[in-house]
Amino acid sequence: FIGTGGVGKTTTAASVAFGKAMEGFKV
């Protein structure tokens, strides 16, 4: 994940990771 500061990049990365775990992957 890349992008400028203050756009929620860290939270978005964590959310995508959580989503992939929900789908059944080890993340």
mmCIF file of all heavy atoms, coordinates in Angstrom:
data_MODEL
# 
_entry.id   MODEL 
# 
loop_
_atom_site.group_PDB 
_atom_site.id 
_atom_site.type_symbol 
_atom_site.label_atom_id 
_atom_site.label_alt_id 
_atom_site.label_comp_id 
_atom_site.label_asym_id 
_atom_site.label_entity_id 
_atom_site.label_seq_id 
_atom_site.pdbx_PDB_ins_code 
_atom_site.Cartn_x 
_atom_site.Cartn_y 
_atom_site.Cartn_z 
_atom_site.occupancy 
_atom_site.B_iso_or_equiv 
_atom_site.pdbx_formal_charge 
_atom_site.auth_seq_id 
_atom_site.auth_comp_id 
_atom_site.auth_asym_id 
_atom_site.auth_atom_id 
_atom_site.pdbx_PDB_model_num 
ATOM 1   N N   . PHE A 1 1  ? 0.844   -1.193  0.000  1.00 0.00 ? 1  PHE A N   1 
ATOM 2   C CA  . PHE A 1 1  ? 0.000   0.000   0.000  1.00 0.00 ? 1  PHE A CA  1 
ATOM 3   C C   . PHE A 1 1  ? 0.882   1.248   0.000  1.00 0.00 ? 1  PHE A C   1 
ATOM 4   O O   . PHE A 1 1  ? 1.791   1.374   0.824  1.00 0.00 ? 1  PHE A O   1 
ATOM 5   C CB  . PHE A 1 1  ? -0.911  0.008   1.227  1.00 0.00 ? 1  PHE A CB  1 
ATOM 6   C CG  . PHE A 1 1  ? -2.129  -0.858  1.069  1.00 0.00 ? 1  PHE A CG  1 
ATOM 7   C CD1 . PHE A 1 1  ? -2.026  -2.242  1.175  1.00 0.00 ? 1  PHE A CD1 1 
ATOM 8   C CD2 . PHE A 1 1  ? -3.373  -0.307  0.796  1.00 0.00 ? 1  PHE A CD2 1 
ATOM 9   C CE1 . PHE A 1 1  ? -3.132  -3.060  1.017  1.00 0.00 ? 1  PHE A CE1 1 
ATOM 10  C CE2 . PHE A 1 1  ? -4.487  -1.111  0.631  1.00 0.00 ? 1  PHE A CE2 1 
ATOM 11  C CZ  . PHE A 1 1  ? -4.375  -2.489  0.752  1.00 0.00 ? 1  PHE A CZ  1 
ATOM 12  N N   . ILE A 1 2  ? 0.598   2.169   -0.921 1.00 0.00 ? 2  ILE A N   1 
ATOM 13  C CA  . ILE A 1 2  ? 1.334   3.423   -1.005 1.00 0.00 ? 2  ILE A CA  1 
ATOM 14  C C   . ILE A 1 2  ? 0.329   4.576   -1.062 1.00 0.00 ? 2  ILE A C   1 
ATOM 15  O O   . ILE A 1 2  ? -0.847  4.375   -1.365 1.00 0.00 ? 2  ILE A O   1 
ATOM 16  C CB  . ILE A 1 2  ? 2.261   3.457   -2.241 1.00 0.00 ? 2  ILE A CB  1 
ATOM 17  C CG1 . ILE A 1 2  ? 1.437   3.261   -3.531 1.00 0.00 ? 2  ILE A CG1 1 
ATOM 18  C CG2 . ILE A 1 2  ? 3.360   2.416   -2.131 1.00 0.00 ? 2  ILE A CG2 1 
ATOM 19  C CD1 . ILE A 1 2  ? 2.256   3.406   -4.809 1.00 0.00 ? 2  ILE A CD1 1 
ATOM 20  N N   . GLY A 1 3  ? 0.803   5.789   -0.779 1.00 0.00 ? 3  GLY A N   1 
ATOM 21  C CA  . GLY A 1 3  ? -0.069  6.955   -0.834 1.00 0.00 ? 3  GLY A CA  1 
ATOM 22  C C   . GLY A 1 3  ? 0.404   8.053   0.089  1.00 0.00 ? 3  GLY A C   1 
ATOM 23  O O   . GLY A 1 3  ? 1.346   7.873   0.868  1.00 0.00 ? 3  GLY A O   1 
ATOM 24  N N   . THR A 1 4  ? -0.236  9.207   -0.002 1.00 0.00 ? 4  THR A N   1 
ATOM 25  C CA  . THR A 1 4  ? 0.144   10.341  0.833  1.00 0.00 ? 4  THR A CA  1 
ATOM 26  C C   . THR A 1 4  ? -0.291  10.113  2.275  1.00 0.00 ? 4  THR A C   1 
ATOM 27  O O   . THR A 1 4  ? -1.098  9.221   2.563  1.00 0.00 ? 4  THR A O   1 
ATOM 28  C CB  . THR A 1 4  ? -0.512  11.634  0.304  1.00 0.00 ? 4  THR A CB  1 
ATOM 29  O OG1 . THR A 1 4  ? -1.927  11.446  0.271  1.00 0.00 ? 4  THR A OG1 1 
ATOM 30  C CG2 . THR A 1 4  ? -0.025  11.960  -1.087 1.00 0.00 ? 4  THR A CG2 1 
ATOM 31  N N   . GLY A 1 5  ? 0.235   10.932  3.176  1.00 0.00 ? 5  GLY A N   1 
ATOM 32  C CA  . GLY A 1 5  ? -0.151  10.833  4.576  1.00 0.00 ? 5  GLY A CA  1 
ATOM 33  C C   . GLY A 1 5  ? -1.559  11.369  4.801  1.00 0.00 ? 5  GLY A C   1 
ATOM 34  O O   . GLY A 1 5  ? -2.040  12.224  4.066  1.00 0.00 ? 5  GLY A O   1 
ATOM 35  N N   . GLY A 1 6  ? -2.221  10.843  5.807  1.00 0.00 ? 6  GLY A N   1 
ATOM 36  C CA  . GLY A 1 6  ? -3.515  11.377  6.194  1.00 0.00 ? 6  GLY A CA  1 
ATOM 37  C C   . GLY A 1 6  ? -4.681  10.969  5.330  1.00 0.00 ? 6  GLY A C   1 
ATOM 38  O O   . GLY A 1 6  ? -5.725  11.627  5.335  1.00 0.00 ? 6  GLY A O   1 
ATOM 39  N N   . VAL A 1 7  ? -4.538  9.879   4.577  1.00 0.00 ? 7  VAL A N   1 
ATOM 40  C CA  . VAL A 1 7  ? -5.648  9.429   3.717  1.00 0.00 ? 7  VAL A CA  1 
ATOM 41  C C   . VAL A 1 7  ? -6.235  8.102   4.201  1.00 0.00 ? 7  VAL A C   1 
ATOM 42  O O   . VAL A 1 7  ? -7.087  7.519   3.536  1.00 0.00 ? 7  VAL A O   1 
ATOM 43  C CB  . VAL A 1 7  ? -5.206  9.292   2.239  1.00 0.00 ? 7  VAL A CB  1 
ATOM 44  C CG1 . VAL A 1 7  ? -4.817  10.639  1.670  1.00 0.00 ? 7  VAL A CG1 1 
ATOM 45  C CG2 . VAL A 1 7  ? -4.067  8.283   2.088  1.00 0.00 ? 7  VAL A CG2 1 
ATOM 46  N N   . GLY A 1 8  ? -5.776  7.628   5.352  1.00 0.00 ? 8  GLY A N   1 
ATOM 47  C CA  . GLY A 1 8  ? -6.286  6.366   5.877  1.00 0.00 ? 8  GLY A CA  1 
ATOM 48  C C   . GLY A 1 8  ? -5.619  5.139   5.285  1.00 0.00 ? 8  GLY A C   1 
ATOM 49  O O   . GLY A 1 8  ? -6.195  4.054   5.276  1.00 0.00 ? 8  GLY A O   1 
ATOM 50  N N   . LYS A 1 9  ? -4.377  5.297   4.820  1.00 0.00 ? 9  LYS A N   1 
ATOM 51  C CA  . LYS A 1 9  ? -3.669  4.193   4.150  1.00 0.00 ? 9  LYS A CA  1 
ATOM 52  C C   . LYS A 1 9  ? -3.433  3.017   5.105  1.00 0.00 ? 9  LYS A C   1 
ATOM 53  O O   . LYS A 1 9  ? -3.652  1.852   4.731  1.00 0.00 ? 9  LYS A O   1 
ATOM 54  C CB  . LYS A 1 9  ? -2.339  4.716   3.598  1.00 0.00 ? 9  LYS A CB  1 
ATOM 55  C CG  . LYS A 1 9  ? -1.469  3.676   2.919  1.00 0.00 ? 9  LYS A CG  1 
ATOM 56  C CD  . LYS A 1 9  ? -0.359  4.335   2.135  1.00 0.00 ? 9  LYS A CD  1 
ATOM 57  C CE  . LYS A 1 9  ? 0.432   5.323   2.971  1.00 0.00 ? 9  LYS A CE  1 
ATOM 58  N NZ  . LYS A 1 9  ? 1.174   4.685   4.072  1.00 0.00 ? 9  LYS A NZ  1 
ATOM 59  N N   . THR A 1 10 ? -2.986  3.311   6.315  1.00 0.00 ? 10 THR A N   1 
ATOM 60  C CA  . THR A 1 10 ? -2.710  2.258   7.286  1.00 0.00 ? 10 THR A CA  1 
ATOM 61  C C   . THR A 1 10 ? -3.990  1.503   7.641  1.00 0.00 ? 10 THR A C   1 
ATOM 62  O O   . THR A 1 10 ? -4.014  0.267   7.677  1.00 0.00 ? 10 THR A O   1 
ATOM 63  C CB  . THR A 1 10 ? -2.084  2.849   8.558  1.00 0.00 ? 10 THR A CB  1 
ATOM 64  O OG1 . THR A 1 10 ? -0.853  3.493   8.210  1.00 0.00 ? 10 THR A OG1 1 
ATOM 65  C CG2 . THR A 1 10 ? -1.791  1.767   9.588  1.00 0.00 ? 10 THR A CG2 1 
ATOM 66  N N   . THR A 1 11 ? -5.065  2.245   7.888  1.00 0.00 ? 11 THR A N   1 
ATOM 67  C CA  . THR A 1 11 ? -6.344  1.625   8.224  1.00 0.00 ? 11 THR A CA  1 
ATOM 68  C C   . THR A 1 11 ? -6.872  0.802   7.054  1.00 0.00 ? 11 THR A C   1 
ATOM 69  O O   . THR A 1 11 ? -7.422  -0.298  7.235  1.00 0.00 ? 11 THR A O   1 
ATOM 70  C CB  . THR A 1 11 ? -7.380  2.697   8.609  1.00 0.00 ? 11 THR A CB  1 
ATOM 71  O OG1 . THR A 1 11 ? -6.847  3.493   9.664  1.00 0.00 ? 11 THR A OG1 1 
ATOM 72  C CG2 . THR A 1 11 ? -8.676  2.073   9.061  1.00 0.00 ? 11 THR A CG2 1 
ATOM 73  N N   . THR A 1 12 ? -6.693  1.307   5.826  1.00 0.00 ? 12 THR A N   1 
ATOM 74  C CA  . THR A 1 12 ? -7.142  0.586   4.635  1.00 0.00 ? 12 THR A CA  1 
ATOM 75  C C   . THR A 1 12 ? -6.364  -0.712  4.467  1.00 0.00 ? 12 THR A C   1 
ATOM 76  O O   . THR A 1 12 ? -6.950  -1.765  4.150  1.00 0.00 ? 12 THR A O   1 
ATOM 77  C CB  . THR A 1 12 ? -6.988  1.462   3.377  1.00 0.00 ? 12 THR A CB  1 
ATOM 78  O OG1 . THR A 1 12 ? -7.701  2.688   3.562  1.00 0.00 ? 12 THR A OG1 1 
ATOM 79  C CG2 . THR A 1 12 ? -7.542  0.760   2.150  1.00 0.00 ? 12 THR A CG2 1 
ATOM 80  N N   . ALA A 1 13 ? -5.056  -0.665  4.667  1.00 0.00 ? 13 ALA A N   1 
ATOM 81  C CA  . ALA A 1 13 ? -4.232  -1.874  4.569  1.00 0.00 ? 13 ALA A CA  1 
ATOM 82  C C   . ALA A 1 13 ? -4.688  -2.914  5.588  1.00 0.00 ? 13 ALA A C   1 
ATOM 83  O O   . ALA A 1 13 ? -4.816  -4.111  5.273  1.00 0.00 ? 13 ALA A O   1 
ATOM 84  C CB  . ALA A 1 13 ? -2.766  -1.527  4.784  1.00 0.00 ? 13 ALA A CB  1 
ATOM 85  N N   . ALA A 1 14 ? -4.944  -2.455  6.808  1.00 0.00 ? 14 ALA A N   1 
ATOM 86  C CA  . ALA A 1 14 ? -5.409  -3.368  7.856  1.00 0.00 ? 14 ALA A CA  1 
ATOM 87  C C   . ALA A 1 14 ? -6.781  -3.944  7.501  1.00 0.00 ? 14 ALA A C   1 
ATOM 88  O O   . ALA A 1 14 ? -7.056  -5.130  7.741  1.00 0.00 ? 14 ALA A O   1 
ATOM 89  C CB  . ALA A 1 14 ? -5.469  -2.636  9.195  1.00 0.00 ? 14 ALA A CB  1 
ATOM 90  N N   . SER A 1 15 ? -7.650  -3.118  6.913  1.00 0.00 ? 15 SER A N   1 
ATOM 91  C CA  . SER A 1 15 ? -8.995  -3.568  6.546  1.00 0.00 ? 15 SER A CA  1 
ATOM 92  C C   . SER A 1 15 ? -8.942  -4.628  5.449  1.00 0.00 ? 15 SER A C   1 
ATOM 93  O O   . SER A 1 15 ? -9.668  -5.637  5.493  1.00 0.00 ? 15 SER A O   1 
ATOM 94  C CB  . SER A 1 15 ? -9.846  -2.385  6.079  1.00 0.00 ? 15 SER A CB  1 
ATOM 95  O OG  . SER A 1 15 ? -10.011 -1.438  7.117  1.00 0.00 ? 15 SER A OG  1 
ATOM 96  N N   . VAL A 1 16 ? -8.091  -4.409  4.445  1.00 0.00 ? 16 VAL A N   1 
ATOM 97  C CA  . VAL A 1 16 ? -7.947  -5.394  3.372  1.00 0.00 ? 16 VAL A CA  1 
ATOM 98  C C   . VAL A 1 16 ? -7.381  -6.700  3.927  1.00 0.00 ? 16 VAL A C   1 
ATOM 99  O O   . VAL A 1 16 ? -7.824  -7.799  3.558  1.00 0.00 ? 16 VAL A O   1 
ATOM 100 C CB  . VAL A 1 16 ? -7.057  -4.843  2.241  1.00 0.00 ? 16 VAL A CB  1 
ATOM 101 C CG1 . VAL A 1 16 ? -6.714  -5.941  1.226  1.00 0.00 ? 16 VAL A CG1 1 
ATOM 102 C CG2 . VAL A 1 16 ? -7.763  -3.691  1.533  1.00 0.00 ? 16 VAL A CG2 1 
ATOM 103 N N   . ALA A 1 17 ? -6.415  -6.585  4.838  1.00 0.00 ? 17 ALA A N   1 
ATOM 104 C CA  . ALA A 1 17 ? -5.845  -7.781  5.469  1.00 0.00 ? 17 ALA A CA  1 
ATOM 105 C C   . ALA A 1 17 ? -6.929  -8.557  6.226  1.00 0.00 ? 17 ALA A C   1 
ATOM 106 O O   . ALA A 1 17 ? -7.026  -9.786  6.122  1.00 0.00 ? 17 ALA A O   1 
ATOM 107 C CB  . ALA A 1 17 ? -4.722  -7.383  6.424  1.00 0.00 ? 17 ALA A CB  1 
ATOM 108 N N   . PHE A 1 18 ? -7.756  -7.818  6.967  1.00 0.00 ? 18 PHE A N   1 
ATOM 109 C CA  . PHE A 1 18 ? -8.850  -8.455  7.706  1.00 0.00 ? 18 PHE A CA  1 
ATOM 110 C C   . PHE A 1 18 ? -9.832  -9.120  6.742  1.00 0.00 ? 18 PHE A C   1 
ATOM 111 O O   . PHE A 1 18 ? -10.291 -10.247 6.975  1.00 0.00 ? 18 PHE A O   1 
ATOM 112 C CB  . PHE A 1 18 ? -9.579  -7.409  8.561  1.00 0.00 ? 18 PHE A CB  1 
ATOM 113 C CG  . PHE A 1 18 ? -10.735 -7.960  9.343  1.00 0.00 ? 18 PHE A CG  1 
ATOM 114 C CD1 . PHE A 1 18 ? -10.528 -8.698  10.495 1.00 0.00 ? 18 PHE A CD1 1 
ATOM 115 C CD2 . PHE A 1 18 ? -12.042 -7.751  8.909  1.00 0.00 ? 18 PHE A CD2 1 
ATOM 116 C CE1 . PHE A 1 18 ? -11.596 -9.222  11.213 1.00 0.00 ? 18 PHE A CE1 1 
ATOM 117 C CE2 . PHE A 1 18 ? -13.114 -8.267  9.615  1.00 0.00 ? 18 PHE A CE2 1 
ATOM 118 C CZ  . PHE A 1 18 ? -12.897 -9.001  10.778 1.00 0.00 ? 18 PHE A CZ  1 
ATOM 119 N N   . GLY A 1 19 ? -10.136 -8.434  5.634  1.00 0.00 ? 19 GLY A N   1 
ATOM 120 C CA  . GLY A 1 19 ? -11.049 -8.996  4.647  1.00 0.00 ? 19 GLY A CA  1 
ATOM 121 C C   . GLY A 1 19 ? -10.536 -10.298 4.058  1.00 0.00 ? 19 GLY A C   1 
ATOM 122 O O   . GLY A 1 19 ? -11.296 -11.258 3.874  1.00 0.00 ? 19 GLY A O   1 
ATOM 123 N N   . LYS A 1 20 ? -9.243  -10.346 3.760  1.00 0.00 ? 20 LYS A N   1 
ATOM 124 C CA  . LYS A 1 20 ? -8.659  -11.565 3.200  1.00 0.00 ? 20 LYS A CA  1 
ATOM 125 C C   . LYS A 1 20 ? -8.661  -12.704 4.229  1.00 0.00 ? 20 LYS A C   1 
ATOM 126 O O   . LYS A 1 20 ? -8.842  -13.880 3.874  1.00 0.00 ? 20 LYS A O   1 
ATOM 127 C CB  . LYS A 1 20 ? -7.231  -11.295 2.706  1.00 0.00 ? 20 LYS A CB  1 
ATOM 128 C CG  . LYS A 1 20 ? -7.197  -10.459 1.425  1.00 0.00 ? 20 LYS A CG  1 
ATOM 129 C CD  . LYS A 1 20 ? -7.927  -11.167 0.304  1.00 0.00 ? 20 LYS A CD  1 
ATOM 130 C CE  . LYS A 1 20 ? -8.041  -10.321 -0.947 1.00 0.00 ? 20 LYS A CE  1 
ATOM 131 N NZ  . LYS A 1 20 ? -8.864  -10.984 -1.982 1.00 0.00 ? 20 LYS A NZ  1 
ATOM 132 N N   . ALA A 1 21 ? -8.466  -12.363 5.499  1.00 0.00 ? 21 ALA A N   1 
ATOM 133 C CA  . ALA A 1 21 ? -8.553  -13.379 6.554  1.00 0.00 ? 21 ALA A CA  1 
ATOM 134 C C   . ALA A 1 21 ? -9.983  -13.919 6.645  1.00 0.00 ? 21 ALA A C   1 
ATOM 135 O O   . ALA A 1 21 ? -10.207 -15.125 6.826  1.00 0.00 ? 21 ALA A O   1 
ATOM 136 C CB  . ALA A 1 21 ? -8.109  -12.795 7.884  1.00 0.00 ? 21 ALA A CB  1 
ATOM 137 N N   . MET A 1 22 ? -10.963 -13.029 6.505  1.00 0.00 ? 22 MET A N   1 
ATOM 138 C CA  . MET A 1 22 ? -12.364 -13.449 6.543  1.00 0.00 ? 22 MET A CA  1 
ATOM 139 C C   . MET A 1 22 ? -12.676 -14.393 5.385  1.00 0.00 ? 22 MET A C   1 
ATOM 140 O O   . MET A 1 22 ? -13.514 -15.292 5.500  1.00 0.00 ? 22 MET A O   1 
ATOM 141 C CB  . MET A 1 22 ? -13.287 -12.234 6.489  1.00 0.00 ? 22 MET A CB  1 
ATOM 142 C CG  . MET A 1 22 ? -13.225 -11.334 7.721  1.00 0.00 ? 22 MET A CG  1 
ATOM 143 S SD  . MET A 1 22 ? -13.807 -12.150 9.234  1.00 0.00 ? 22 MET A SD  1 
ATOM 144 C CE  . MET A 1 22 ? -15.577 -12.234 8.907  1.00 0.00 ? 22 MET A CE  1 
ATOM 145 N N   . GLU A 1 23 ? -11.992 -14.206 4.248  1.00 0.00 ? 23 GLU A N   1 
ATOM 146 C CA  . GLU A 1 23 ? -12.221 -15.053 3.076  1.00 0.00 ? 23 GLU A CA  1 
ATOM 147 C C   . GLU A 1 23 ? -11.586 -16.438 3.222  1.00 0.00 ? 23 GLU A C   1 
ATOM 148 O O   . GLU A 1 23 ? -11.840 -17.329 2.411  1.00 0.00 ? 23 GLU A O   1 
ATOM 149 C CB  . GLU A 1 23 ? -11.661 -14.383 1.820  1.00 0.00 ? 23 GLU A CB  1 
ATOM 150 C CG  . GLU A 1 23 ? -12.430 -13.141 1.386  1.00 0.00 ? 23 GLU A CG  1 
ATOM 151 C CD  . GLU A 1 23 ? -11.756 -12.437 0.221  1.00 0.00 ? 23 GLU A CD  1 
ATOM 152 O OE1 . GLU A 1 23 ? -10.940 -13.084 -0.478 1.00 0.00 ? 23 GLU A OE1 1 
ATOM 153 O OE2 . GLU A 1 23 ? -12.032 -11.236 0.004  1.00 0.00 ? 23 GLU A OE2 1 
ATOM 154 N N   . GLY A 1 24 ? -10.732 -16.591 4.233  1.00 0.00 ? 24 GLY A N   1 
ATOM 155 C CA  . GLY A 1 24 ? -10.136 -17.896 4.470  1.00 0.00 ? 24 GLY A CA  1 
ATOM 156 C C   . GLY A 1 24 ? -8.636  -17.975 4.273  1.00 0.00 ? 24 GLY A C   1 
ATOM 157 O O   . GLY A 1 24 ? -8.047  -19.068 4.318  1.00 0.00 ? 24 GLY A O   1 
ATOM 158 N N   . PHE A 1 25 ? -7.976  -16.829 4.078  1.00 0.00 ? 25 PHE A N   1 
ATOM 159 C CA  . PHE A 1 25 ? -6.532  -16.811 3.851  1.00 0.00 ? 25 PHE A CA  1 
ATOM 160 C C   . PHE A 1 25 ? -5.769  -16.546 5.155  1.00 0.00 ? 25 PHE A C   1 
ATOM 161 O O   . PHE A 1 25 ? -6.299  -15.951 6.093  1.00 0.00 ? 25 PHE A O   1 
ATOM 162 C CB  . PHE A 1 25 ? -6.174  -15.734 2.826  1.00 0.00 ? 25 PHE A CB  1 
ATOM 163 C CG  . PHE A 1 25 ? -6.767  -15.976 1.473  1.00 0.00 ? 25 PHE A CG  1 
ATOM 164 C CD1 . PHE A 1 25 ? -7.890  -15.277 1.048  1.00 0.00 ? 25 PHE A CD1 1 
ATOM 165 C CD2 . PHE A 1 25 ? -6.203  -16.909 0.612  1.00 0.00 ? 25 PHE A CD2 1 
ATOM 166 C CE1 . PHE A 1 25 ? -8.447  -15.497 -0.205 1.00 0.00 ? 25 PHE A CE1 1 
ATOM 167 C CE2 . PHE A 1 25 ? -6.745  -17.142 -0.646 1.00 0.00 ? 25 PHE A CE2 1 
ATOM 168 C CZ  . PHE A 1 25 ? -7.872  -16.429 -1.053 1.00 0.00 ? 25 PHE A CZ  1 
ATOM 169 N N   . LYS A 1 26 ? -4.525  -16.985 5.161  1.00 0.00 ? 26 LYS A N   1 
ATOM 170 C CA  . LYS A 1 26 ? -3.618  -16.660 6.261  1.00 0.00 ? 26 LYS A CA  1 
ATOM 171 C C   . LYS A 1 26 ? -2.843  -15.409 5.848  1.00 0.00 ? 26 LYS A C   1 
ATOM 172 O O   . LYS A 1 26 ? -2.089  -15.436 4.870  1.00 0.00 ? 26 LYS A O   1 
ATOM 173 C CB  . LYS A 1 26 ? -2.658  -17.821 6.529  1.00 0.00 ? 26 LYS A CB  1 
ATOM 174 C CG  . LYS A 1 26 ? -1.770  -17.619 7.752  1.00 0.00 ? 26 LYS A CG  1 
ATOM 175 C CD  . LYS A 1 26 ? -0.887  -18.847 8.006  1.00 0.00 ? 26 LYS A CD  1 
ATOM 176 C CE  . LYS A 1 26 ? -0.027  -18.650 9.263  1.00 0.00 ? 26 LYS A CE  1 
ATOM 177 N NZ  . LYS A 1 26 ? 0.840   -19.844 9.501  1.00 0.00 ? 26 LYS A NZ  1 
ATOM 178 N N   . VAL A 1 27 ? -3.010  -14.325 6.598  1.00 0.00 ? 27 VAL A N   1 
ATOM 179 C CA  . VAL A 1 27 ? -2.538  -13.010 6.164  1.00 0.00 ? 27 VAL A CA  1 
ATOM 180 C C   . VAL A 1 27 ? -1.671  -12.359 7.245  1.00 0.00 ? 27 VAL A C   1 
ATOM 181 O O   . VAL A 1 27 ? -2.013  -12.386 8.428  1.00 0.00 ? 27 VAL A O   1 
ATOM 182 C CB  . VAL A 1 27 ? -3.723  -12.072 5.854  1.00 0.00 ? 27 VAL A CB  1 
ATOM 183 C CG1 . VAL A 1 27 ? -3.229  -10.754 5.287  1.00 0.00 ? 27 VAL A CG1 1 
ATOM 184 C CG2 . VAL A 1 27 ? -4.705  -12.732 4.894  1.00 0.00 ? 27 VAL A CG2 1 
# 
